[in-house]
Amino acid sequence: MTSAYEDDTENTPSSTLPRRQLGRFLREWREANGFTIATAAKLVDLSASALQRIEAGQTQKVRKQDVRALCEVYGVGSGDAAAAADLAAVARLQGWYHAYGGLYSEAFNMYVGLEAAARRLTTYHEHIPGLLQTADYARAIIGAYPGFADSADVDRRVEHRLRRQAIVTRKTNPVVLEVLLHESALHRMIGNRQTMAAQLRHLAEVSKLDNLTVRIHPFAAGMTWGMPRGSFTVLEFDTDSRHEPVEPPVVYIEGGPTQDVYLEKPDEVRLYSELASAIRSSALDDGPTRELVRRVTKEYEREQH
């Protein structure tokens, strides 16, 4: 058995994000095939402890050939297998961030993987976030992007976005979601008035969930910290028996037409957590938020007639 791996969680200066995503990807494929760690490791000539560290994201120097061998054993498609091997190389880099739009398939998407593993999400948006979108609202947003001109491609992406919402609405262990939503999201026309009215009714309804908080940041609050900002999400993960996070928190900054950015340095995460706190402090409380959403909804409904 080869064991050319080191547990470098304390000494490495590189990012843990690609390692965690690669480990999660390999673990999910192993479990889907019904392999134990010992069995899978033996099939690719690794020690069980080495494979366990890879799956936990604790190994920086993962060899591409071992990732390819694992993917072959698990029956991973060639595209995702190549992407997984690329992640093994990316995991060695310092100061890592990467644009994932279009590079990986839906089965291997960095943000969706992190989102599904998170215990708590705190997010700021100037449009209704994907986890709370109706199908028509999502279709209007996705369909407006020139790269998704094919209707079947748009429908597939809408379906995928709606499936993601299960982490919020499931009855068992749903994610705790706090949405800080700028008031402009209520007035920015996405689709048509009917689409907007239905979306805001849905927003008001889901905001009643115990694990979900929606608060509007009103125009009257001005610009927090005196600066513009795009969408961002702070992702926090489960804690262990000592109340320590099993994975460090991550900030995701939506790049739109450019690069999506992932930040994990403690100072960077703390800065965005403080920004979210500042936005929260000048946002409307739950009651006034629902009242504003209902009022704007009625305006859309009246203008339909």
Foldseek 3Di string as FASTA:
>chain_A
DDDPWDQCPPPAQADLLLQQLLLCLLVVLCVVVVHDLCRLCVQLVHHSVNNVCSNLSRTLQDALVSLLSSCVVSVPDPLVSVVSSVSSVQSNDHPDWWFDVPSHDPSRGRVLVLLLQFQEKEKEAQAPDLLQADLQLQLLVQCVDVVQVDPVSSNVVSVSSPVSNCLQVPPPRRHQYEYEYEPNNLVDDRDALVRSLVSLVSVLVSCPDPSYHYWYQYVVLPDQVPDDAHMKMKTFHAADPVRHGSDAIKMWHDDVVDGITIDGDPVVSVVVVVSSVSSVVRIDHRVVRSVVSVVSSVVSVVVVD
